[in-house]
Amino acid sequence: MPPAPLLYESHCHTPLCKHARGEPIEYAAAAERRGLKGIVFTCHCPLPDGISLSVRMAPGQYDRYIAMVAEARERFAGRVDVRLGLESDYLRNAGMTSLANISMLERMRCGARPDIAMPHTRCVTRPRLT
């Protein structure tokens, strides 16, 4: 008999991305009610120079994001596996990949490194400065 599947919500945003409603604690509670093993928060990675701020957190909000997810992780410890992730876009004009997004956060000395970095296939074009 095959083992039971481990079901996770693996792509979940917070209000910091400006296109989600509800706090991580609320999402973790919903995951628990539905019998999921875990939930991965994957807010869009902040980008430099205010790029795409209408759909992602600003670099200065990254520590708040970490705290929101950590609070849910602590509250649901032993019941729901709550993970910190980032959805990272390819920034064509700057040649930034998902790993470059993470490196940028490290250079800015922004909080914790995520558990999961999810590359996104959409290409974000940085406006050219003339």
C-alpha atoms as a PDB file:
ATOM      1  CA  MET A   1       0.000   0.000   0.000  1.00  0.00           C
ATOM      2  CA  PRO A   2       1.519   3.372  -1.014  1.00  0.00           C
ATOM      3  CA  PRO A   3       2.099   5.969   1.698  1.00  0.00           C
ATOM      4  CA  ALA A   4      -0.479   8.709   2.142  1.00  0.00           C
ATOM      5  CA  PRO A   5       0.397  11.859   0.180  1.00  0.00           C
ATOM      6  CA  LEU A   6       1.830  14.862   2.001  1.00  0.00           C
ATOM      7  CA  LEU A   7      -0.434  17.685   0.926  1.00  0.00           C
ATOM      8  CA  TYR A   8       0.864  21.258   1.086  1.00  0.00           C
ATOM      9  CA  GLU A   9      -0.463  24.603  -0.076  1.00  0.00           C
ATOM     10  CA  SER A  10       2.680  25.612  -1.932  1.00  0.00           C
ATOM     11  CA  HIS A  11       1.917  29.049  -3.383  1.00  0.00           C
ATOM     12  CA  CYS A  12       0.340  31.496  -0.987  1.00  0.00           C
ATOM     13  CA  HIS A  13       0.728  35.265  -0.746  1.00  0.00           C
ATOM     14  CA  THR A  14       0.163  37.770   2.057  1.00  0.00           C
ATOM     15  CA  PRO A  15      -1.304  41.283   1.917  1.00  0.00           C
ATOM     16  CA  LEU A  16       2.253  42.612   1.496  1.00  0.00           C
ATOM     17  CA  CYS A  17       2.022  41.553  -2.168  1.00  0.00           C
ATOM     18  CA  LYS A  18      -1.128  43.650  -2.562  1.00  0.00           C
ATOM     19  CA  HIS A  19      -3.122  40.840  -4.178  1.00  0.00           C
ATOM     20  CA  ALA A  20      -3.993  38.640  -1.205  1.00  0.00           C
ATOM     21  CA  ARG A  21      -6.285  39.031   1.771  1.00  0.00           C
ATOM     22  CA  GLY A  22      -5.778  37.547   5.205  1.00  0.00           C
ATOM     23  CA  GLU A  23      -2.839  37.001   7.493  1.00  0.00           C
ATOM     24  CA  PRO A  24      -0.554  33.944   7.486  1.00  0.00           C
ATOM     25  CA  ILE A  25      -2.180  32.773  10.738  1.00  0.00           C
ATOM     26  CA  GLU A  26      -5.566  32.693   8.993  1.00  0.00           C
ATOM     27  CA  TYR A  27      -4.141  30.738   6.052  1.00  0.00           C
ATOM     28  CA  ALA A  28      -2.431  28.257   8.403  1.00  0.00           C
ATOM     29  CA  ALA A  29      -5.725  27.754  10.261  1.00  0.00           C
ATOM     30  CA  ALA A  30      -7.474  27.049   6.948  1.00  0.00           C
ATOM     31  CA  ALA A  31      -4.723  24.569   6.009  1.00  0.00           C
ATOM     32  CA  GLU A  32      -5.210  22.781   9.337  1.00  0.00           C
ATOM     33  CA  ARG A  33      -9.003  22.630   8.892  1.00  0.00           C
ATOM     34  CA  ARG A  34      -8.512  21.099   5.449  1.00  0.00           C
ATOM     35  CA  GLY A  35      -6.071  18.499   6.721  1.00  0.00           C
ATOM     36  CA  LEU A  36      -3.005  19.817   4.899  1.00  0.00           C
ATOM     37  CA  LYS A  37       0.452  18.883   6.180  1.00  0.00           C
ATOM     38  CA  GLY A  38       1.824  22.366   5.532  1.00  0.00           C
ATOM     39  CA  ILE A  39       1.700  25.712   3.819  1.00  0.00           C
ATOM     40  CA  VAL A  40       4.414  27.668   2.003  1.00  0.00           C
ATOM     41  CA  PHE A  41       4.136  31.451   1.839  1.00  0.00           C
ATOM     42  CA  THR A  42       5.617  32.719  -1.419  1.00  0.00           C
ATOM     43  CA  CYS A  43       5.308  36.489  -1.522  1.00  0.00           C
ATOM     44  CA  HIS A  44       6.965  38.128  -4.500  1.00  0.00           C
ATOM     45  CA  CYS A  45      10.606  38.887  -3.785  1.00  0.00           C
ATOM     46  CA  PRO A  46      11.276  42.607  -3.308  1.00  0.00           C
ATOM     47  CA  LEU A  47      13.194  44.144  -6.173  1.00  0.00           C
ATOM     48  CA  PRO A  48      15.507  47.159  -6.138  1.00  0.00           C
ATOM     49  CA  ASP A  49      14.485  50.663  -7.173  1.00  0.00           C
ATOM     50  CA  GLY A  50      10.771  50.165  -6.479  1.00  0.00           C
ATOM     51  CA  ILE A  51      10.278  47.871  -9.470  1.00  0.00           C
ATOM     52  CA  SER A  52       6.772  46.342  -9.608  1.00  0.00           C
ATOM     53  CA  LEU A  53       5.760  47.648  -6.185  1.00  0.00           C
ATOM     54  CA  SER A  54       2.108  47.315  -7.168  1.00  0.00           C
ATOM     55  CA  VAL A  55       2.386  43.497  -6.906  1.00  0.00           C
ATOM     56  CA  ARG A  56       5.181  42.870  -4.399  1.00  0.00           C
ATOM     57  CA  MET A  57       6.484  43.926  -1.018  1.00  0.00           C
ATOM     58  CA  ALA A  58       9.040  46.693  -0.783  1.00  0.00           C
ATOM     59  CA  PRO A  59      12.542  45.728   0.435  1.00  0.00           C
ATOM     60  CA  GLY A  60      11.781  47.478   3.743  1.00  0.00           C
ATOM     61  CA  GLN A  61       8.836  45.119   4.320  1.00  0.00           C
ATOM     62  CA  TYR A  62      10.833  41.894   4.125  1.00  0.00           C
ATOM     63  CA  ASP A  63      11.477  41.754   7.882  1.00  0.00           C
ATOM     64  CA  ARG A  64       7.728  42.184   8.496  1.00  0.00           C
ATOM     65  CA  TYR A  65       7.058  39.313   6.097  1.00  0.00           C
ATOM     66  CA  ILE A  66       9.506  37.095   8.012  1.00  0.00           C
ATOM     67  CA  ALA A  67       7.800  38.025  11.296  1.00  0.00           C
ATOM     68  CA  MET A  68       4.299  37.296   9.920  1.00  0.00           C
ATOM     69  CA  VAL A  69       5.312  33.838   8.738  1.00  0.00           C
ATOM     70  CA  ALA A  70       7.290  33.126  11.935  1.00  0.00           C
ATOM     71  CA  GLU A  71       4.240  33.980  14.043  1.00  0.00           C
ATOM     72  CA  ALA A  72       2.120  31.483  12.081  1.00  0.00           C
ATOM     73  CA  ARG A  73       4.909  28.873  12.299  1.00  0.00           C
ATOM     74  CA  GLU A  74       5.083  29.237  16.081  1.00  0.00           C
ATOM     75  CA  ARG A  75       1.327  29.181  16.602  1.00  0.00           C
ATOM     76  CA  PHE A  76       0.843  26.056  14.473  1.00  0.00           C
ATOM     77  CA  ALA A  77       4.029  24.202  15.478  1.00  0.00           C
ATOM     78  CA  GLY A  78       3.460  20.448  15.469  1.00  0.00           C
ATOM     79  CA  ARG A  79       0.173  20.818  13.573  1.00  0.00           C
ATOM     80  CA  VAL A  80       0.945  22.607  10.286  1.00  0.00           C
ATOM     81  CA  ASP A  81       4.405  22.921   8.730  1.00  0.00           C
ATOM     82  CA  VAL A  82       4.592  26.663   7.931  1.00  0.00           C
ATOM     83  CA  ARG A  83       7.420  27.645   5.563  1.00  0.00           C
ATOM     84  CA  LEU A  84       8.911  30.937   4.413  1.00  0.00           C
ATOM     85  CA  GLY A  85       9.279  31.186   0.659  1.00  0.00           C
ATOM     86  CA  LEU A  86       9.774  33.759  -2.075  1.00  0.00           C
ATOM     87  CA  GLU A  87       8.401  33.919  -5.574  1.00  0.00           C
ATOM     88  CA  SER A  88      11.263  35.295  -7.629  1.00  0.00           C
ATOM     89  CA  ASP A  89      10.808  36.816 -11.049  1.00  0.00           C
ATOM     90  CA  TYR A  90      13.378  37.008 -13.804  1.00  0.00           C
ATOM     91  CA  LEU A  91      14.352  40.643 -14.284  1.00  0.00           C
ATOM     92  CA  ARG A  92      15.335  40.734 -17.954  1.00  0.00           C
ATOM     93  CA  ASN A  93      17.186  44.048 -18.278  1.00  0.00           C
ATOM     94  CA  ALA A  94      19.153  43.518 -15.074  1.00  0.00           C
ATOM     95  CA  GLY A  95      19.760  39.802 -15.684  1.00  0.00           C
ATOM     96  CA  MET A  96      18.446  38.973 -12.218  1.00  0.00           C
ATOM     97  CA  THR A  97      17.436  35.370 -11.609  1.00  0.00           C
ATOM     98  CA  SER A  98      15.792  33.857  -8.525  1.00  0.00           C
ATOM     99  CA  LEU A  99      19.168  33.305  -6.882  1.00  0.00           C
ATOM    100  CA  ALA A 100      20.192  36.864  -7.704  1.00  0.00           C
ATOM    101  CA  ASN A 101      16.996  38.063  -5.969  1.00  0.00           C
ATOM    102  CA  ILE A 102      18.042  36.145  -2.837  1.00  0.00           C
ATOM    103  CA  SER A 103      21.591  37.508  -3.069  1.00  0.00           C
ATOM    104  CA  MET A 104      20.173  41.030  -3.345  1.00  0.00           C
ATOM    105  CA  LEU A 105      18.252  40.512  -0.089  1.00  0.00           C
ATOM    106  CA  GLU A 106      21.416  39.256   1.589  1.00  0.00           C
ATOM    107  CA  ARG A 107      23.387  42.292   0.382  1.00  0.00           C
ATOM    108  CA  MET A 108      20.669  44.573   1.776  1.00  0.00           C
ATOM    109  CA  ARG A 109      21.015  42.633   5.045  1.00  0.00           C
ATOM    110  CA  CYS A 110      17.339  41.739   4.934  1.00  0.00           C
ATOM    111  CA  GLY A 111      16.343  39.147   7.533  1.00  0.00           C
ATOM    112  CA  ALA A 112      16.263  35.398   7.139  1.00  0.00           C
ATOM    113  CA  ARG A 113      16.975  33.403   4.032  1.00  0.00           C
ATOM    114  CA  PRO A 114      13.785  31.712   2.788  1.00  0.00           C
ATOM    115  CA  ASP A 115      13.146  27.974   3.074  1.00  0.00           C
ATOM    116  CA  ILE A 116      12.006  27.897  -0.565  1.00  0.00           C
ATOM    117  CA  ALA A 117      12.697  30.136  -3.576  1.00  0.00           C
ATOM    118  CA  MET A 118      10.158  29.593  -6.328  1.00  0.00           C
ATOM    119  CA  PRO A 119      11.285  30.789  -9.754  1.00  0.00           C
ATOM    120  CA  HIS A 120       8.535  32.435 -11.722  1.00  0.00           C
ATOM    121  CA  THR A 121       8.351  32.171 -15.474  1.00  0.00           C
ATOM    122  CA  ARG A 122       6.976  35.659 -15.994  1.00  0.00           C
ATOM    123  CA  CYS A 123       9.545  38.183 -17.129  1.00  0.00           C
ATOM    124  CA  VAL A 124       9.502  41.527 -15.331  1.00  0.00           C
ATOM    125  CA  THR A 125      10.926  44.243 -17.524  1.00  0.00           C
ATOM    126  CA  ARG A 126      12.807  46.985 -15.785  1.00  0.00           C
ATOM    127  CA  PRO A 127      12.193  50.380 -17.378  1.00  0.00           C
ATOM    128  CA  ARG A 128      15.227  51.616 -19.261  1.00  0.00           C
ATOM    129  CA  LEU A 129      16.704  54.841 -17.992  1.00  0.00           C
ATOM    130  CA  THR A 130      17.583  57.208 -20.824  1.00  0.00           C
END
